[in-house]
C-alpha atoms as a PDB file:
ATOM      1  CA  UNK A   1      22.994 -71.067   3.726  1.00  0.00           C
ATOM      2  CA  UNK A   2      26.215 -72.866   3.977  1.00  0.00           C
ATOM      3  CA  UNK A   3      26.943 -76.183   1.922  1.00  0.00           C
ATOM      4  CA  UNK A   4      27.067 -79.221   3.652  1.00  0.00           C
ATOM      5  CA  UNK A   5      29.453 -81.389   3.034  1.00  0.00           C
ATOM      6  CA  UNK A   6      29.804 -85.180   4.738  1.00  0.00           C
ATOM      7  CA  UNK A   7      33.319 -86.420   5.291  1.00  0.00           C
ATOM      8  CA  UNK A   8      33.588 -90.187   6.289  1.00  0.00           C
ATOM      9  CA  UNK A   9      36.657 -91.570   7.855  1.00  0.00           C
ATOM     10  CA  UNK A  10      37.465 -94.221  10.002  1.00  0.00           C
ATOM     11  CA  UNK A  11      41.035 -92.326  10.933  1.00  0.00           C
ATOM     12  CA  UNK A  12      39.186 -89.496  13.205  1.00  0.00           C
ATOM     13  CA  UNK A  13      42.454 -87.311  13.136  1.00  0.00           C
ATOM     14  CA  UNK A  14      42.249 -87.238   9.389  1.00  0.00           C
ATOM     15  CA  UNK A  15      38.607 -86.544   9.247  1.00  0.00           C
ATOM     16  CA  UNK A  16      38.689 -84.084  11.942  1.00  0.00           C
ATOM     17  CA  UNK A  17      41.409 -82.380  10.147  1.00  0.00           C
ATOM     18  CA  UNK A  18      39.484 -81.629   6.819  1.00  0.00           C
ATOM     19  CA  UNK A  19      36.399 -80.533   9.161  1.00  0.00           C
ATOM     20  CA  UNK A  20      38.488 -77.944  10.545  1.00  0.00           C
ATOM     21  CA  UNK A  21      39.892 -76.793   7.130  1.00  0.00           C
ATOM     22  CA  UNK A  22      36.444 -76.519   5.445  1.00  0.00           C
ATOM     23  CA  UNK A  23      34.951 -75.147   8.559  1.00  0.00           C
ATOM     24  CA  UNK A  24      37.374 -72.486   8.395  1.00  0.00           C
ATOM     25  CA  UNK A  25      35.672 -71.787   4.962  1.00  0.00           C
ATOM     26  CA  UNK A  26      32.374 -71.351   6.091  1.00  0.00           C
ATOM     27  CA  UNK A  27      30.895 -74.758   5.117  1.00  0.00           C
ATOM     28  CA  UNK A  28      29.182 -77.033   7.105  1.00  0.00           C
ATOM     29  CA  UNK A  29      30.973 -80.443   7.984  1.00  0.00           C
ATOM     30  CA  UNK A  30      29.128 -83.490   9.137  1.00  0.00           C
ATOM     31  CA  UNK A  31      31.360 -86.414  10.249  1.00  0.00           C
ATOM     32  CA  UNK A  32      30.911 -90.072  10.174  1.00  0.00           C
ATOM     33  CA  UNK A  33      33.256 -92.919  10.853  1.00  0.00           C
ATOM     34  CA  UNK A  34      32.138 -96.105   9.229  1.00  0.00           C
ATOM     35  CA  UNK A  35      29.980 -96.912   6.082  1.00  0.00           C
ATOM     36  CA  UNK A  36      26.832 -97.588   8.223  1.00  0.00           C
ATOM     37  CA  UNK A  37      27.207 -94.251   9.614  1.00  0.00           C
ATOM     38  CA  UNK A  38      27.812 -92.380   6.609  1.00  0.00           C
ATOM     39  CA  UNK A  39      24.567 -93.867   5.101  1.00  0.00           C
ATOM     40  CA  UNK A  40      22.545 -92.919   7.663  1.00  0.00           C
ATOM     41  CA  UNK A  41      24.283 -89.393   8.093  1.00  0.00           C
ATOM     42  CA  UNK A  42      23.380 -88.969   4.302  1.00  0.00           C
ATOM     43  CA  UNK A  43      19.695 -89.977   4.884  1.00  0.00           C
ATOM     44  CA  UNK A  44      19.001 -87.672   7.496  1.00  0.00           C
ATOM     45  CA  UNK A  45      21.532 -84.574   6.197  1.00  0.00           C
ATOM     46  CA  UNK A  46      21.122 -84.793   2.546  1.00  0.00           C
ATOM     47  CA  UNK A  47      24.837 -83.167   2.263  1.00  0.00           C
ATOM     48  CA  UNK A  48      25.957 -81.040  -0.886  1.00  0.00           C
ATOM     49  CA  UNK A  49      28.961 -83.193  -1.403  1.00  0.00           C
ATOM     50  CA  UNK A  50      30.308 -86.148   0.256  1.00  0.00           C
ATOM     51  CA  UNK A  51      34.332 -87.231   0.599  1.00  0.00           C
ATOM     52  CA  UNK A  52      34.608 -90.514   1.518  1.00  0.00           C
ATOM     53  CA  UNK A  53      37.463 -93.019   2.364  1.00  0.00           C
ATOM     54  CA  UNK A  54      37.479 -96.342   0.729  1.00  0.00           C
ATOM     55  CA  UNK A  55      38.490 -98.259   3.247  1.00  0.00           C
ATOM     56  CA  UNK A  56      35.696 -98.330   5.981  1.00  0.00           C
ATOM     57  CA  UNK A  57      34.283-100.591   8.471  1.00  0.00           C
ATOM     58  CA  UNK A  58      31.087-102.049   8.589  1.00  0.00           C
ATOM     59  CA  UNK A  59      30.589-100.824   4.818  1.00  0.00           C
ATOM     60  CA  UNK A  60      33.438 -99.488   2.647  1.00  0.00           C
ATOM     61  CA  UNK A  61      33.171 -96.245   0.979  1.00  0.00           C
ATOM     62  CA  UNK A  62      32.494 -97.973  -2.638  1.00  0.00           C
ATOM     63  CA  UNK A  63      29.563 -98.921  -1.438  1.00  0.00           C
ATOM     64  CA  UNK A  64      28.607 -95.777   0.241  1.00  0.00           C
ATOM     65  CA  UNK A  65      29.479 -94.085  -3.243  1.00  0.00           C
ATOM     66  CA  UNK A  66      26.891 -96.558  -5.046  1.00  0.00           C
ATOM     67  CA  UNK A  67      24.340 -95.998  -2.925  1.00  0.00           C
ATOM     68  CA  UNK A  68      24.633 -92.231  -2.570  1.00  0.00           C
ATOM     69  CA  UNK A  69      24.821 -92.198  -6.288  1.00  0.00           C
ATOM     70  CA  UNK A  70      21.469 -93.804  -7.062  1.00  0.00           C
ATOM     71  CA  UNK A  71      19.805 -91.058  -5.305  1.00  0.00           C
ATOM     72  CA  UNK A  72      22.058 -87.850  -5.564  1.00  0.00           C
ATOM     73  CA  UNK A  73      24.094 -86.581  -8.388  1.00  0.00           C
ATOM     74  CA  UNK A  74      26.012 -84.245  -5.909  1.00  0.00           C
ATOM     75  CA  UNK A  75      29.732 -83.895  -6.150  1.00  0.00           C
ATOM     76  CA  UNK A  76      31.939 -87.306  -4.261  1.00  0.00           C
ATOM     77  CA  UNK A  77      35.332 -87.008  -3.740  1.00  0.00           C
ATOM     78  CA  UNK A  78      37.233 -90.499  -2.609  1.00  0.00           C
ATOM     79  CA  UNK A  79      39.820 -91.062  -0.282  1.00  0.00           C
ATOM     80  CA  UNK A  80      42.508 -94.149  -0.532  1.00  0.00           C
ATOM     81  CA  UNK A  81      46.043 -94.891   1.290  1.00  0.00           C
ATOM     82  CA  UNK A  82      45.967 -97.079  -2.234  1.00  0.00           C
ATOM     83  CA  UNK A  83      47.553 -95.914  -5.170  1.00  0.00           C
ATOM     84  CA  UNK A  84      46.575 -98.207  -7.668  1.00  0.00           C
ATOM     85  CA  UNK A  85      45.247 -97.736 -11.104  1.00  0.00           C
ATOM     86  CA  UNK A  86      41.934-100.243 -10.686  1.00  0.00           C
ATOM     87  CA  UNK A  87      40.695 -98.556  -7.171  1.00  0.00           C
ATOM     88  CA  UNK A  88      40.818 -95.186  -9.109  1.00  0.00           C
ATOM     89  CA  UNK A  89      38.785 -96.875 -12.129  1.00  0.00           C
ATOM     90  CA  UNK A  90      36.699 -98.923  -9.757  1.00  0.00           C
ATOM     91  CA  UNK A  91      35.951 -95.413  -7.538  1.00  0.00           C
ATOM     92  CA  UNK A  92      34.968 -92.942 -11.032  1.00  0.00           C
ATOM     93  CA  UNK A  93      33.047 -95.883 -12.164  1.00  0.00           C
ATOM     94  CA  UNK A  94      30.806 -95.874  -9.518  1.00  0.00           C
ATOM     95  CA  UNK A  95      29.845 -92.375 -10.328  1.00  0.00           C
ATOM     96  CA  UNK A  96      33.055 -90.521  -8.008  1.00  0.00           C
ATOM     97  CA  UNK A  97      33.767 -87.372  -9.293  1.00  0.00           C
ATOM     98  CA  UNK A  98      37.354 -87.287  -8.131  1.00  0.00           C
ATOM     99  CA  UNK A  99      40.089 -89.314  -5.979  1.00  0.00           C
ATOM    100  CA  UNK A 100      42.509 -88.106  -3.778  1.00  0.00           C
ATOM    101  CA  UNK A 101      45.496 -90.201  -2.741  1.00  0.00           C
ATOM    102  CA  UNK A 102      46.583 -90.236   1.059  1.00  0.00           C
ATOM    103  CA  UNK A 103      48.667 -88.124   2.198  1.00  0.00           C
ATOM    104  CA  UNK A 104      47.232 -85.011   0.827  1.00  0.00           C
ATOM    105  CA  UNK A 105      47.171 -81.492   1.755  1.00  0.00           C
ATOM    106  CA  UNK A 106      44.339 -80.247   3.510  1.00  0.00           C
ATOM    107  CA  UNK A 107      44.927 -77.024   1.489  1.00  0.00           C
ATOM    108  CA  UNK A 108      44.609 -78.819  -1.860  1.00  0.00           C
ATOM    109  CA  UNK A 109      41.734 -80.898  -0.404  1.00  0.00           C
ATOM    110  CA  UNK A 110      39.591 -77.623  -0.178  1.00  0.00           C
ATOM    111  CA  UNK A 111      40.852 -75.851  -3.131  1.00  0.00           C
ATOM    112  CA  UNK A 112      39.385 -79.108  -4.728  1.00  0.00           C
ATOM    113  CA  UNK A 113      36.036 -79.078  -2.900  1.00  0.00           C
ATOM    114  CA  UNK A 114      35.975 -75.664  -4.352  1.00  0.00           C
ATOM    115  CA  UNK A 115      36.319 -76.151  -7.778  1.00  0.00           C
ATOM    116  CA  UNK A 116      33.910 -79.182  -7.386  1.00  0.00           C
ATOM    117  CA  UNK A 117      31.257 -77.150  -6.398  1.00  0.00           C
ATOM    118  CA  UNK A 118      31.672 -74.063  -8.907  1.00  0.00           C
ATOM    119  CA  UNK A 119      31.653 -76.969 -11.867  1.00  0.00           C
ATOM    120  CA  UNK A 120      28.580 -78.150  -9.966  1.00  0.00           C
ATOM    121  CA  UNK A 121      26.374 -75.051  -9.883  1.00  0.00           C
ATOM    122  CA  UNK A 122      27.936 -74.135 -13.038  1.00  0.00           C
ATOM    123  CA  UNK A 123      26.834 -77.061 -15.097  1.00  0.00           C
ATOM    124  CA  UNK A 124      22.985 -76.858 -12.948  1.00  0.00           C
ATOM    125  CA  UNK A 125      22.077 -73.645 -13.494  1.00  0.00           C
ATOM    126  CA  UNK A 126      23.717 -72.119 -16.661  1.00  0.00           C
ATOM    127  CA  UNK A 127      21.829 -73.072 -19.513  1.00  0.00           C
ATOM    128  CA  UNK A 128      24.076 -73.241 -22.243  1.00  0.00           C
ATOM    129  CA  UNK A 129      22.857 -72.531 -26.226  1.00  0.00           C
ATOM    130  CA  UNK A 130      19.428 -75.099 -25.729  1.00  0.00           C
ATOM    131  CA  UNK A 131      17.138 -76.139 -22.957  1.00  0.00           C
ATOM    132  CA  UNK A 132      16.489 -79.182 -24.420  1.00  0.00           C
ATOM    133  CA  UNK A 133      18.619 -81.684 -26.886  1.00  0.00           C
ATOM    134  CA  UNK A 134      16.929 -84.078 -28.475  1.00  0.00           C
ATOM    135  CA  UNK A 135      18.679 -86.917 -30.453  1.00  0.00           C
ATOM    136  CA  UNK A 136      16.837 -90.445 -31.746  1.00  0.00           C
ATOM    137  CA  UNK A 137      15.448 -91.861 -28.078  1.00  0.00           C
ATOM    138  CA  UNK A 138      18.080 -89.333 -26.398  1.00  0.00           C
ATOM    139  CA  UNK A 139      16.752 -86.233 -24.328  1.00  0.00           C
ATOM    140  CA  UNK A 140      18.917 -83.919 -22.709  1.00  0.00           C
ATOM    141  CA  UNK A 141      16.987 -81.680 -20.450  1.00  0.00           C
ATOM    142  CA  UNK A 142      19.773 -78.749 -19.501  1.00  0.00           C
ATOM    143  CA  UNK A 143      17.712 -76.757 -17.398  1.00  0.00           C
ATOM    144  CA  UNK A 144      16.584 -79.367 -14.921  1.00  0.00           C
ATOM    145  CA  UNK A 145      19.885 -81.167 -15.626  1.00  0.00           C
ATOM    146  CA  UNK A 146      18.081 -84.808 -16.757  1.00  0.00           C
ATOM    147  CA  UNK A 147      18.177 -87.368 -19.380  1.00  0.00           C
ATOM    148  CA  UNK A 148      15.548 -89.683 -20.583  1.00  0.00           C
ATOM    149  CA  UNK A 149      16.131 -92.720 -22.831  1.00  0.00           C
ATOM    150  CA  UNK A 150      13.603 -94.354 -24.868  1.00  0.00           C
ATOM    151  CA  UNK A 151      11.165 -92.356 -22.401  1.00  0.00           C
ATOM    152  CA  UNK A 152      12.714 -93.907 -18.912  1.00  0.00           C
ATOM    153  CA  UNK A 153      14.817 -91.245 -16.816  1.00  0.00           C
ATOM    154  CA  UNK A 154      18.520 -92.337 -16.382  1.00  0.00           C
ATOM    155  CA  UNK A 155      20.524 -90.888 -13.215  1.00  0.00           C
ATOM    156  CA  UNK A 156      23.735 -89.547 -13.991  1.00  0.00           C
ATOM    157  CA  UNK A 157      26.609 -88.322 -12.019  1.00  0.00           C
ATOM    158  CA  UNK A 158      27.296 -84.624 -12.182  1.00  0.00           C
ATOM    159  CA  UNK A 159      30.328 -85.612 -14.131  1.00  0.00           C
ATOM    160  CA  UNK A 160      28.894 -88.076 -16.422  1.00  0.00           C
ATOM    161  CA  UNK A 161      26.093 -85.390 -17.622  1.00  0.00           C
ATOM    162  CA  UNK A 162      28.867 -82.889 -18.109  1.00  0.00           C
ATOM    163  CA  UNK A 163      30.193 -85.657 -20.056  1.00  0.00           C
ATOM    164  CA  UNK A 164      27.538 -85.907 -22.149  1.00  0.00           C
ATOM    165  CA  UNK A 165      26.395 -82.807 -22.353  1.00  0.00           C
ATOM    166  CA  UNK A 166      29.784 -81.516 -23.848  1.00  0.00           C
ATOM    167  CA  UNK A 167      29.227 -84.549 -26.541  1.00  0.00           C
ATOM    168  CA  UNK A 168      25.601 -82.995 -27.023  1.00  0.00           C
ATOM    169  CA  UNK A 169      26.951 -79.422 -28.122  1.00  0.00           C
ATOM    170  CA  UNK A 170      29.445 -80.805 -30.125  1.00  0.00           C
ATOM    171  CA  UNK A 171      27.330 -83.462 -32.855  1.00  0.00           C
ATOM    172  CA  UNK A 172      29.258 -85.325 -35.273  1.00  0.00           C
ATOM    173  CA  UNK A 173      32.879 -83.824 -34.343  1.00  0.00           C
ATOM    174  CA  UNK A 174      35.504 -85.792 -33.014  1.00  0.00           C
ATOM    175  CA  UNK A 175      36.635 -85.022 -29.672  1.00  0.00           C
ATOM    176  CA  UNK A 176      39.942 -85.947 -28.080  1.00  0.00           C
ATOM    177  CA  UNK A 177      40.278 -87.476 -24.633  1.00  0.00           C
ATOM    178  CA  UNK A 178      42.276 -84.164 -23.591  1.00  0.00           C
ATOM    179  CA  UNK A 179      39.487 -82.100 -25.241  1.00  0.00           C
ATOM    180  CA  UNK A 180      36.699 -83.817 -22.824  1.00  0.00           C
ATOM    181  CA  UNK A 181      39.244 -83.745 -19.736  1.00  0.00           C
ATOM    182  CA  UNK A 182      40.249 -79.976 -20.158  1.00  0.00           C
ATOM    183  CA  UNK A 183      36.281 -78.996 -20.747  1.00  0.00           C
ATOM    184  CA  UNK A 184      35.167 -80.860 -18.187  1.00  0.00           C
ATOM    185  CA  UNK A 185      37.912 -81.576 -15.595  1.00  0.00           C
ATOM    186  CA  UNK A 186      39.728 -78.457 -16.208  1.00  0.00           C
ATOM    187  CA  UNK A 187      43.494 -78.387 -17.419  1.00  0.00           C
ATOM    188  CA  UNK A 188      44.405 -77.723 -13.923  1.00  0.00           C
ATOM    189  CA  UNK A 189      42.701 -81.071 -12.286  1.00  0.00           C
ATOM    190  CA  UNK A 190      45.036 -83.587 -10.526  1.00  0.00           C
ATOM    191  CA  UNK A 191      42.778 -86.333 -12.577  1.00  0.00           C
ATOM    192  CA  UNK A 192      43.645 -89.133 -14.793  1.00  0.00           C
ATOM    193  CA  UNK A 193      43.183 -88.677 -18.554  1.00  0.00           C
ATOM    194  CA  UNK A 194      41.833 -92.278 -18.297  1.00  0.00           C
ATOM    195  CA  UNK A 195      38.666 -90.580 -16.068  1.00  0.00           C
ATOM    196  CA  UNK A 196      37.381 -89.528 -19.791  1.00  0.00           C
ATOM    197  CA  UNK A 197      37.511 -93.255 -20.600  1.00  0.00           C
ATOM    198  CA  UNK A 198      35.478 -94.047 -17.573  1.00  0.00           C
ATOM    199  CA  UNK A 199      32.913 -92.341 -17.592  1.00  0.00           C
ATOM    200  CA  UNK A 200      32.475 -92.639 -21.617  1.00  0.00           C
ATOM    201  CA  UNK A 201      32.068 -96.864 -20.623  1.00  0.00           C
ATOM    202  CA  UNK A 202      29.699 -95.482 -17.836  1.00  0.00           C
ATOM    203  CA  UNK A 203      27.309 -93.567 -20.085  1.00  0.00           C
ATOM    204  CA  UNK A 204      27.472 -96.211 -22.427  1.00  0.00           C
ATOM    205  CA  UNK A 205      25.988 -98.463 -20.241  1.00  0.00           C
ATOM    206  CA  UNK A 206      23.460 -96.079 -19.067  1.00  0.00           C
ATOM    207  CA  UNK A 207      22.375 -94.622 -22.515  1.00  0.00           C
ATOM    208  CA  UNK A 208      23.305 -97.209 -25.146  1.00  0.00           C
ATOM    209  CA  UNK A 209      20.707-100.482 -25.719  1.00  0.00           C
ATOM    210  CA  UNK A 210      23.848-102.427 -26.624  1.00  0.00           C
ATOM    211  CA  UNK A 211      27.130-100.736 -25.345  1.00  0.00           C
ATOM    212  CA  UNK A 212      29.578-102.890 -26.668  1.00  0.00           C
ATOM    213  CA  UNK A 213      27.702-101.343 -30.428  1.00  0.00           C
ATOM    214  CA  UNK A 214      27.049 -97.891 -29.549  1.00  0.00           C
ATOM    215  CA  UNK A 215      24.810 -95.592 -31.343  1.00  0.00           C
ATOM    216  CA  UNK A 216      25.435 -92.703 -29.941  1.00  0.00           C
ATOM    217  CA  UNK A 217      29.106 -92.325 -28.707  1.00  0.00           C
ATOM    218  CA  UNK A 218      31.396 -93.934 -31.124  1.00  0.00           C
ATOM    219  CA  UNK A 219      34.695 -94.532 -30.640  1.00  0.00           C
ATOM    220  CA  UNK A 220      37.509 -92.733 -33.217  1.00  0.00           C
ATOM    221  CA  UNK A 221      40.404 -95.257 -32.788  1.00  0.00           C
ATOM    222  CA  UNK A 222      43.507 -93.473 -32.210  1.00  0.00           C
ATOM    223  CA  UNK A 223      42.168 -89.945 -32.050  1.00  0.00           C
ATOM    224  CA  UNK A 224      39.659 -89.542 -29.269  1.00  0.00           C
ATOM    225  CA  UNK A 225      35.291 -90.253 -29.223  1.00  0.00           C
ATOM    226  CA  UNK A 226      32.577 -88.893 -31.706  1.00  0.00           C
ATOM    227  CA  UNK A 227      29.087 -88.282 -30.871  1.00  0.00           C
ATOM    228  CA  UNK A 228      26.523 -89.170 -33.307  1.00  0.00           C
ATOM    229  CA  UNK A 229      23.673 -86.829 -33.368  1.00  0.00           C
ATOM    230  CA  UNK A 230      21.954 -87.838 -37.252  1.00  0.00           C
END
């Protein structure tokens, strides 16, 4: 069965160009040209990936990303003509997996799509070391890709889960931001190393009772982070 990709951009020429390149790689593509149409298409088609422009009529791409992430952990790629760090951090903070600045190479776009699908399926289907990891009030179920904290299920994005899994597989070990970035995003990724800090912050907000005084993911100043499993 073909993977379905939702492509949302109010510039129809760009959306159609992306569609043509993705369809050439045997993906099924659903197009939408504003945020409201994007949400309606998401509800109707339940795609396997979303590629969202940030600047959209009616509802902007950030809000569409937030909406999808509340219901699903599919890969989400954000597009923007803006190069500001603030937009990038905001998009990643909402749960996007990647951020691509216009103008971009369609071939690079296809390469990133393939990479994100590959990582997503590896993460979902590969059971690594243990099916279930338990630390204090935190339960990480690798095989079902689910997380519970204090008995309540917590929805994580695909990348947030990968970061948490990497921490949990290396308890009480100091991990540098470079190590985390290379493991989760890959050394050939075009992403920004600050992505790691954004995802750690989001994990703390979702897992910790007091994110400013974290129990699980502790900062080791000048080095990186340590997942405290005792």
